[in-house]
Amino acid sequence: MTAFNNGISVVTGLNHNSDSNDSIEKGVYEKGVIDTFGKWRVQYGKYKDIGEFNNGYARVKLIVENQKGYYDYEGIIDDMGKYKFTIPSKKWKLDYGNDNFHQDIAIIEIYSVDPDTVKLWSPKNRYDYKGAINTKGEIIFSNTDWDELTPFSFNRAFAIIRSTKPPLTRKINYDK
């Protein structure tokens, strides 16, 4: 059980076993979300895993068997337990350094190629660039020159462009 944050906690059941490698034994998915009154916001068995909530949103791992061959196995839920969107993993992913929403905007890494075709990921060979999404999972802006993008604060963020000498920093303003 995580500490309560804004009145909710992610709880893990005693039988939770999402990483079963046994082809006979099915995974047991006991991850959920409760509020301070003990009421379920997300009951066990809905998701394989639930990340920590930050600014009202959490990343969830979907149960593969329930996806009917769907390639994308992660999504976002809000603090009421409502499923917001599926992360289209062949198009973009949440930026690992900034994988939370700030002012209802999250930073993403957008693939410029099909990620399954890349044999070796390296800093020399760039296969992605930065962008930002809203809470519906829609890309609201991106630029193939952006190497880094800071989280939004006071309706602005900063993009770093390393392909120039010296690297450039650009201010990005966003007013909803």
Protein backbone atom coordinates (compact mmCIF):
# COMPACT_ATOMS: atom_id res chain seq x y z
CA MET A 1 0.00 0.00 0.00
CA THR A 2 1.37 3.39 -0.94
CA ALA A 3 1.01 6.42 1.31
CA PHE A 4 -2.22 8.32 0.79
CA ASN A 5 -1.70 11.15 -1.67
CA ASN A 6 -4.60 13.56 -2.27
CA GLY A 7 -6.97 11.11 -0.58
CA ILE A 8 -6.06 7.96 -2.52
CA SER A 9 -3.66 5.04 -2.21
CA VAL A 10 -2.52 2.27 -4.56
CA VAL A 11 -2.94 -1.06 -2.78
CA THR A 12 -1.42 -4.45 -3.55
CA GLY A 13 -3.13 -7.68 -2.49
CA LEU A 14 -1.30 -10.52 -0.79
CA ASN A 15 -1.80 -12.80 -3.81
CA HIS A 16 -0.61 -10.31 -6.45
CA ASN A 17 1.54 -12.19 -8.98
CA SER A 18 1.63 -10.33 -12.27
CA ASP A 19 4.90 -11.82 -13.50
CA SER A 20 4.06 -15.50 -13.64
CA ASN A 21 6.34 -17.26 -16.15
CA ASP A 22 4.47 -20.53 -15.79
CA SER A 23 2.35 -21.19 -18.88
CA ILE A 24 -0.18 -23.08 -16.77
CA GLU A 25 -0.44 -20.60 -13.91
CA LYS A 26 -2.24 -17.40 -14.82
CA GLY A 27 -1.22 -14.11 -13.28
CA VAL A 28 -3.12 -12.89 -10.25
CA TYR A 29 -3.74 -9.16 -10.54
CA GLU A 30 -4.37 -7.63 -7.14
CA LYS A 31 -3.60 -3.96 -7.67
CA GLY A 32 -6.24 -1.38 -6.88
CA VAL A 33 -6.94 2.13 -5.68
CA ILE A 34 -8.83 3.09 -2.52
CA ASP A 35 -9.78 6.40 -0.97
CA THR A 36 -9.36 7.42 2.67
CA PHE A 37 -12.80 5.93 3.48
CA GLY A 38 -11.71 2.52 2.17
CA LYS A 39 -13.95 2.76 -0.90
CA TRP A 40 -12.58 1.24 -4.09
CA ARG A 41 -11.80 3.64 -6.92
CA VAL A 42 -10.22 0.79 -8.90
CA GLN A 43 -10.91 -2.79 -7.83
CA TYR A 44 -8.45 -5.68 -8.06
CA GLY A 45 -8.22 -7.44 -11.40
CA LYS A 46 -8.69 -4.43 -13.64
CA TYR A 47 -4.99 -3.71 -14.28
CA LYS A 48 -1.75 -5.69 -14.15
CA ASP A 49 -0.04 -2.83 -12.35
CA ILE A 50 -0.82 0.72 -11.23
CA GLY A 51 1.92 3.32 -10.82
CA GLU A 52 1.97 6.10 -8.27
CA PHE A 53 -0.39 8.99 -8.74
CA ASN A 54 1.15 12.34 -9.50
CA ASN A 55 -0.90 15.47 -10.16
CA GLY A 56 -4.06 13.37 -10.42
CA TYR A 57 -2.87 10.75 -12.93
CA ALA A 58 -1.18 7.34 -12.86
CA ARG A 59 0.22 5.00 -15.48
CA VAL A 60 -1.35 1.54 -15.59
CA LYS A 61 -0.22 -1.70 -17.21
CA LEU A 62 -3.06 -3.38 -19.00
CA ILE A 63 -3.71 -7.11 -18.72
CA VAL A 64 -2.41 -8.48 -22.02
CA GLU A 65 -4.94 -11.33 -22.16
CA ASN A 66 -7.75 -8.75 -22.11
CA GLN A 67 -6.36 -6.73 -25.01
CA LYS A 68 -7.35 -9.15 -27.83
CA GLY A 69 -4.00 -8.88 -29.56
CA TYR A 70 -3.74 -5.15 -28.99
CA TYR A 71 -0.09 -4.07 -29.06
CA ASP A 72 -0.34 -1.23 -26.55
CA TYR A 73 -0.17 -2.41 -22.97
CA GLU A 74 -0.08 0.81 -20.96
CA GLY A 75 -2.56 3.53 -20.27
CA ILE A 76 -3.40 6.44 -17.99
CA ILE A 77 -6.10 6.68 -15.31
CA ASP A 78 -7.19 9.68 -13.28
CA ASP A 79 -7.54 9.84 -9.49
CA MET A 80 -11.22 8.81 -9.71
CA GLY A 81 -10.13 5.57 -11.40
CA LYS A 82 -11.44 6.60 -14.82
CA TYR A 83 -9.46 5.21 -17.75
CA LYS A 84 -8.29 8.17 -19.83
CA PHE A 85 -6.38 6.72 -22.79
CA THR A 86 -4.08 3.98 -24.09
CA ILE A 87 -0.45 4.88 -24.74
CA PRO A 88 0.21 4.08 -28.44
CA SER A 89 3.56 2.42 -27.83
CA LYS A 90 4.58 2.22 -31.50
CA LYS A 91 4.04 5.99 -31.90
CA TRP A 92 5.23 7.54 -28.64
CA LYS A 93 6.02 6.88 -24.98
CA LEU A 94 6.05 8.97 -21.84
CA ASP A 95 9.42 10.61 -21.27
CA TYR A 96 11.10 8.60 -18.50
CA GLY A 97 12.60 11.67 -16.87
CA ASN A 98 9.29 13.56 -16.91
CA ASP A 99 6.64 10.83 -16.97
CA ASN A 100 4.05 12.75 -14.99
CA PHE A 101 1.48 15.35 -15.89
CA HIS A 102 2.24 18.94 -14.91
CA GLN A 103 -0.52 21.50 -15.54
CA ASP A 104 -2.39 18.69 -17.39
CA ILE A 105 0.50 18.31 -19.87
CA ALA A 106 2.95 15.39 -20.08
CA ILE A 107 6.23 15.26 -22.00
CA ILE A 108 6.58 12.42 -24.50
CA GLU A 109 9.17 10.91 -26.81
CA ILE A 110 7.77 10.55 -30.33
CA TYR A 111 9.29 7.84 -32.52
CA SER A 112 10.48 8.92 -35.97
CA VAL A 113 10.70 5.24 -37.01
CA ASP A 114 8.92 2.03 -36.06
CA PRO A 115 10.66 1.14 -32.76
CA ASP A 116 10.60 -2.57 -33.64
CA THR A 117 12.94 -1.93 -36.59
CA VAL A 118 15.72 -0.40 -34.48
CA LYS A 119 18.48 -2.92 -33.81
CA LEU A 120 20.57 -0.72 -31.49
CA TRP A 121 19.43 2.41 -29.65
CA SER A 122 22.26 4.85 -29.14
CA PRO A 123 22.75 8.59 -28.55
CA LYS A 124 24.46 8.87 -31.98
CA ASN A 125 21.46 7.52 -33.86
CA ARG A 126 18.41 9.56 -32.98
CA TYR A 127 15.08 7.83 -33.52
CA ASP A 128 12.86 10.09 -31.47
CA TYR A 129 12.10 13.68 -30.57
CA LYS A 130 10.13 15.47 -27.86
CA GLY A 131 6.55 16.59 -27.73
CA ALA A 132 3.71 17.09 -25.27
CA ILE A 133 0.26 15.57 -24.77
CA ASN A 134 -2.88 16.67 -22.96
CA THR A 135 -4.92 14.51 -20.55
CA LYS A 136 -6.76 12.95 -23.50
CA GLY A 137 -3.49 11.59 -24.91
CA GLU A 138 -3.55 14.00 -27.84
CA ILE A 139 -0.26 15.45 -29.05
CA ILE A 140 -0.63 19.21 -28.59
CA PHE A 141 2.79 20.15 -29.96
CA SER A 142 6.11 18.64 -30.99
CA ASN A 143 9.23 19.53 -32.91
CA THR A 144 11.75 17.19 -34.52
CA ASP A 145 14.56 19.51 -33.38
CA TRP A 146 13.75 19.17 -29.66
CA ASP A 147 16.16 16.91 -27.79
CA GLU A 148 14.80 17.72 -24.33
CA LEU A 149 11.65 19.36 -23.00
CA THR A 150 11.15 20.41 -19.39
CA PRO A 151 7.88 19.88 -17.50
CA PHE A 152 5.43 22.75 -17.70
CA SER A 153 5.27 25.28 -14.91
CA PHE A 154 3.38 28.58 -15.03
CA ASN A 155 2.22 27.73 -18.60
CA ARG A 156 5.74 27.44 -19.99
CA ALA A 157 8.46 24.91 -20.63
CA PHE A 158 11.89 24.97 -22.20
CA ALA A 159 13.15 22.94 -25.16
CA ILE A 160 16.81 22.14 -25.66
CA ILE A 161 18.16 21.78 -29.19
CA ARG A 162 21.55 20.05 -29.11
CA SER A 163 22.08 19.88 -32.89
CA THR A 164 23.26 23.52 -32.84
CA LYS A 165 26.64 24.66 -31.54
CA PRO A 166 26.28 25.81 -28.83
CA PRO A 167 23.00 24.07 -27.91
CA LEU A 168 19.96 26.37 -27.95
CA THR A 169 17.21 26.72 -25.39
CA ARG A 170 13.74 27.81 -26.54
CA LYS A 171 10.88 28.91 -24.32
CA ILE A 172 7.51 27.31 -25.12
CA ASN A 173 4.39 29.07 -23.89
CA TYR A 174 1.09 27.23 -23.67
CA ASP A 175 -2.20 28.74 -22.63
CA LYS A 176 -5.12 26.34 -22.65
